[in-house]
Amino acid sequence: MLSVGDLGAEFSALMLLFPLRHKGPMRATDLAEIKQADPSTISRQVAQLVKAGLARREADPVDGRASRLAITEAGLAACVQLEAARQAWLREALEGWPAERIATFAGLFAQFNSSVEARLRNEPAATPPRENA
C-alpha cells in the first residue's frame, strides 16, 4: 500500500493536486477558495508540493506580478498513485458486501456528493428519489 510520506508532502497538501489536474494552473488564492481553506494553510501546503516537485510556480499570464501553481509530471503520477491506493482501500473495505448492496451504496454516495457540491455552489440540492417502502 502506498504511503503518503513516499510522495514528499502531507496528505492535505497532496489533495491540492486534484483540482490542479482537473482545472489547470491557478493561484493559491483560487485553491484556497476551492478547498474552502485559509489562504495561509494553502500557502504552506503549496510550498510542500513545490519542494516535493509535484507542482511548480509559474507566472500568471493575466498578472505577471502574481504566480500560479501548475501540476508537474511527478504530480500527475502522484495522482495516479493516490487514486490506485484509494481504490484498493475501498475494495478492501467493501470486501464481502453483496454486489446489490455495493450498487445501492454507490448510487446513494453519488447523490450525496451531488448534494454537497450543489450546497457548496449555493444551489438547491436535487430532491432525492423516494424509496419504495
C-alpha atoms as a PDB file:
ATOM      1  CA  MET A   1       0.000   0.000   0.000  1.00  0.00           C
ATOM      2  CA  LEU A   2       1.234   3.473  -0.890  1.00  0.00           C
ATOM      3  CA  SER A   3       2.496   5.575   1.987  1.00  0.00           C
ATOM      4  CA  VAL A   4       1.678   9.258   1.643  1.00  0.00           C
ATOM      5  CA  GLY A   5       5.101  10.058   3.070  1.00  0.00           C
ATOM      6  CA  ASP A   6       6.613   8.439  -0.022  1.00  0.00           C
ATOM      7  CA  LEU A   7       5.310  11.368  -2.068  1.00  0.00           C
ATOM      8  CA  GLY A   8       7.090  14.065  -0.066  1.00  0.00           C
ATOM      9  CA  ALA A   9       4.099  16.039   1.227  1.00  0.00           C
ATOM     10  CA  GLU A  10       1.316  15.773   3.789  1.00  0.00           C
ATOM     11  CA  PHE A  11      -1.962  14.202   2.683  1.00  0.00           C
ATOM     12  CA  SER A  12      -3.801  17.542   2.863  1.00  0.00           C
ATOM     13  CA  ALA A  13      -1.229  19.091   0.534  1.00  0.00           C
ATOM     14  CA  LEU A  14      -1.470  16.154  -1.874  1.00  0.00           C
ATOM     15  CA  MET A  15      -5.222  16.711  -2.169  1.00  0.00           C
ATOM     16  CA  LEU A  16      -4.464  20.061  -3.833  1.00  0.00           C
ATOM     17  CA  LEU A  17      -3.072  18.171  -6.815  1.00  0.00           C
ATOM     18  CA  PHE A  18      -6.521  17.033  -7.942  1.00  0.00           C
ATOM     19  CA  PRO A  19      -8.007  20.487  -8.631  1.00  0.00           C
ATOM     20  CA  LEU A  20      -4.756  21.433 -10.359  1.00  0.00           C
ATOM     21  CA  ARG A  21      -5.030  18.359 -12.543  1.00  0.00           C
ATOM     22  CA  HIS A  22      -8.689  18.906 -13.390  1.00  0.00           C
ATOM     23  CA  LYS A  23      -8.852  22.706 -13.613  1.00  0.00           C
ATOM     24  CA  GLY A  24      -5.318  23.568 -14.676  1.00  0.00           C
ATOM     25  CA  PRO A  25      -2.881  26.102 -13.224  1.00  0.00           C
ATOM     26  CA  MET A  26      -4.291  28.520 -10.684  1.00  0.00           C
ATOM     27  CA  ARG A  27      -3.327  30.935  -7.961  1.00  0.00           C
ATOM     28  CA  ALA A  28      -3.060  29.747  -4.388  1.00  0.00           C
ATOM     29  CA  THR A  29      -5.984  32.028  -3.511  1.00  0.00           C
ATOM     30  CA  ASP A  30      -8.146  30.135  -6.016  1.00  0.00           C
ATOM     31  CA  LEU A  31      -7.079  26.829  -4.451  1.00  0.00           C
ATOM     32  CA  ALA A  32      -7.990  28.207  -1.034  1.00  0.00           C
ATOM     33  CA  GLU A  33     -11.431  29.139  -2.316  1.00  0.00           C
ATOM     34  CA  ILE A  34     -11.992  25.750  -3.953  1.00  0.00           C
ATOM     35  CA  LYS A  35     -10.889  23.913  -0.812  1.00  0.00           C
ATOM     36  CA  GLN A  36     -12.631  26.423   1.469  1.00  0.00           C
ATOM     37  CA  ALA A  37      -9.439  26.730   3.465  1.00  0.00           C
ATOM     38  CA  ASP A  38      -7.444  29.553   4.968  1.00  0.00           C
ATOM     39  CA  PRO A  39      -5.006  31.024   2.420  1.00  0.00           C
ATOM     40  CA  SER A  40      -2.105  30.708   4.878  1.00  0.00           C
ATOM     41  CA  THR A  41      -2.779  26.971   5.211  1.00  0.00           C
ATOM     42  CA  ILE A  42      -2.902  26.574   1.434  1.00  0.00           C
ATOM     43  CA  SER A  43       0.327  28.566   1.103  1.00  0.00           C
ATOM     44  CA  ARG A  44       2.096  26.143   3.460  1.00  0.00           C
ATOM     45  CA  GLN A  45       0.710  23.158   1.561  1.00  0.00           C
ATOM     46  CA  VAL A  46       1.681  24.653  -1.811  1.00  0.00           C
ATOM     47  CA  ALA A  47       5.243  25.067  -0.517  1.00  0.00           C
ATOM     48  CA  GLN A  48       5.307  21.336   0.275  1.00  0.00           C
ATOM     49  CA  LEU A  49       4.121  20.446  -3.227  1.00  0.00           C
ATOM     50  CA  VAL A  50       6.721  22.689  -4.859  1.00  0.00           C
ATOM     51  CA  LYS A  51       9.519  21.352  -2.633  1.00  0.00           C
ATOM     52  CA  ALA A  52       8.500  17.763  -3.477  1.00  0.00           C
ATOM     53  CA  GLY A  53       8.497  18.561  -7.211  1.00  0.00           C
ATOM     54  CA  LEU A  54       4.786  17.753  -7.519  1.00  0.00           C
ATOM     55  CA  ALA A  55       3.874  21.286  -8.571  1.00  0.00           C
ATOM     56  CA  ARG A  56       5.701  24.315  -9.883  1.00  0.00           C
ATOM     57  CA  ARG A  57       5.162  28.043  -9.712  1.00  0.00           C
ATOM     58  CA  GLU A  58       4.749  29.908 -12.982  1.00  0.00           C
ATOM     59  CA  ALA A  59       3.973  33.488 -13.911  1.00  0.00           C
ATOM     60  CA  ASP A  60       0.286  34.321 -14.115  1.00  0.00           C
ATOM     61  CA  PRO A  61      -0.377  35.318 -17.741  1.00  0.00           C
ATOM     62  CA  VAL A  62      -3.100  37.748 -16.616  1.00  0.00           C
ATOM     63  CA  ASP A  63      -0.943  39.466 -13.980  1.00  0.00           C
ATOM     64  CA  GLY A  64       2.795  38.981 -14.395  1.00  0.00           C
ATOM     65  CA  ARG A  65       3.389  40.147 -10.823  1.00  0.00           C
ATOM     66  CA  ALA A  66       1.465  37.146  -9.498  1.00  0.00           C
ATOM     67  CA  SER A  67       2.248  33.454  -9.727  1.00  0.00           C
ATOM     68  CA  ARG A  68       0.082  30.447 -10.114  1.00  0.00           C
ATOM     69  CA  LEU A  69       0.622  26.811  -9.349  1.00  0.00           C
ATOM     70  CA  ALA A  70       0.761  24.101 -12.021  1.00  0.00           C
ATOM     71  CA  ILE A  71       0.951  20.350 -11.587  1.00  0.00           C
ATOM     72  CA  THR A  72       4.127  18.620 -12.799  1.00  0.00           C
ATOM     73  CA  GLU A  73       4.545  15.198 -14.399  1.00  0.00           C
ATOM     74  CA  ALA A  74       5.550  13.907 -10.970  1.00  0.00           C
ATOM     75  CA  GLY A  75       2.340  15.435  -9.556  1.00  0.00           C
ATOM     76  CA  LEU A  76       0.267  13.682 -12.221  1.00  0.00           C
ATOM     77  CA  ALA A  77       1.979  10.399 -11.363  1.00  0.00           C
ATOM     78  CA  ALA A  78       1.240  11.034  -7.669  1.00  0.00           C
ATOM     79  CA  CYS A  79      -2.456  11.496  -8.520  1.00  0.00           C
ATOM     80  CA  VAL A  80      -2.483   8.119 -10.259  1.00  0.00           C
ATOM     81  CA  GLN A  81      -0.805   6.503  -7.244  1.00  0.00           C
ATOM     82  CA  LEU A  82      -3.222   8.147  -4.804  1.00  0.00           C
ATOM     83  CA  GLU A  83      -6.252   7.060  -6.830  1.00  0.00           C
ATOM     84  CA  ALA A  84      -4.973   3.469  -7.045  1.00  0.00           C
ATOM     85  CA  ALA A  85      -4.349   3.392  -3.288  1.00  0.00           C
ATOM     86  CA  ARG A  86      -7.834   4.789  -2.601  1.00  0.00           C
ATOM     87  CA  GLN A  87      -9.453   2.209  -4.893  1.00  0.00           C
ATOM     88  CA  ALA A  88      -7.518  -0.631  -3.236  1.00  0.00           C
ATOM     89  CA  TRP A  89      -8.543   0.618   0.200  1.00  0.00           C
ATOM     90  CA  LEU A  90     -12.205   0.835  -0.834  1.00  0.00           C
ATOM     91  CA  ARG A  91     -12.110  -2.654  -2.358  1.00  0.00           C
ATOM     92  CA  GLU A  92     -10.798  -3.980   0.950  1.00  0.00           C
ATOM     93  CA  ALA A  93     -13.390  -2.029   2.936  1.00  0.00           C
ATOM     94  CA  LEU A  94     -16.265  -3.374   0.805  1.00  0.00           C
ATOM     95  CA  GLU A  95     -14.932  -6.904   0.623  1.00  0.00           C
ATOM     96  CA  GLY A  96     -17.712  -9.311   1.421  1.00  0.00           C
ATOM     97  CA  TRP A  97     -20.527  -6.883   0.585  1.00  0.00           C
ATOM     98  CA  PRO A  98     -23.064  -8.280  -1.877  1.00  0.00           C
ATOM     99  CA  ALA A  99     -22.953  -6.641  -5.333  1.00  0.00           C
ATOM    100  CA  GLU A 100     -26.511  -5.297  -4.928  1.00  0.00           C
ATOM    101  CA  ARG A 101     -25.609  -3.546  -1.680  1.00  0.00           C
ATOM    102  CA  ILE A 102     -22.463  -2.015  -3.252  1.00  0.00           C
ATOM    103  CA  ALA A 103     -24.548  -0.722  -6.181  1.00  0.00           C
ATOM    104  CA  THR A 104     -27.082   0.827  -3.797  1.00  0.00           C
ATOM    105  CA  PHE A 105     -24.331   2.395  -1.723  1.00  0.00           C
ATOM    106  CA  ALA A 106     -22.585   3.774  -4.838  1.00  0.00           C
ATOM    107  CA  GLY A 107     -25.830   5.358  -6.052  1.00  0.00           C
ATOM    108  CA  LEU A 108     -26.564   6.942  -2.693  1.00  0.00           C
ATOM    109  CA  PHE A 109     -22.996   8.151  -2.330  1.00  0.00           C
ATOM    110  CA  ALA A 110     -23.067   9.765  -5.788  1.00  0.00           C
ATOM    111  CA  GLN A 111     -26.313  11.502  -4.828  1.00  0.00           C
ATOM    112  CA  PHE A 112     -24.764  12.664  -1.561  1.00  0.00           C
ATOM    113  CA  ASN A 113     -21.738  14.086  -3.411  1.00  0.00           C
ATOM    114  CA  SER A 114     -24.009  15.922  -5.851  1.00  0.00           C
ATOM    115  CA  SER A 115     -25.958  17.449  -2.967  1.00  0.00           C
ATOM    116  CA  VAL A 116     -22.779  18.566  -1.207  1.00  0.00           C
ATOM    117  CA  GLU A 117     -21.379  20.074  -4.411  1.00  0.00           C
ATOM    118  CA  ALA A 118     -24.660  21.904  -5.055  1.00  0.00           C
ATOM    119  CA  ARG A 119     -24.596  23.238  -1.499  1.00  0.00           C
ATOM    120  CA  LEU A 120     -21.028  24.481  -1.962  1.00  0.00           C
ATOM    121  CA  ARG A 121     -22.166  26.312  -5.106  1.00  0.00           C
ATOM    122  CA  ASN A 122     -25.175  27.670  -3.165  1.00  0.00           C
ATOM    123  CA  GLU A 123     -27.605  25.845  -5.449  1.00  0.00           C
ATOM    124  CA  PRO A 124     -30.655  23.929  -4.268  1.00  0.00           C
ATOM    125  CA  ALA A 125     -29.940  20.230  -3.950  1.00  0.00           C
ATOM    126  CA  ALA A 126     -31.856  17.802  -6.099  1.00  0.00           C
ATOM    127  CA  THR A 127     -34.690  16.111  -4.275  1.00  0.00           C
ATOM    128  CA  PRO A 128     -33.734  12.510  -3.575  1.00  0.00           C
ATOM    129  CA  PRO A 129     -35.971   9.853  -5.063  1.00  0.00           C
ATOM    130  CA  ARG A 130     -38.291   8.190  -2.564  1.00  0.00           C
ATOM    131  CA  GLU A 131     -37.548   4.622  -1.651  1.00  0.00           C
ATOM    132  CA  ASN A 132     -40.207   2.008  -2.034  1.00  0.00           C
ATOM    133  CA  ALA A 133     -41.441   1.126   1.407  1.00  0.00           C
END
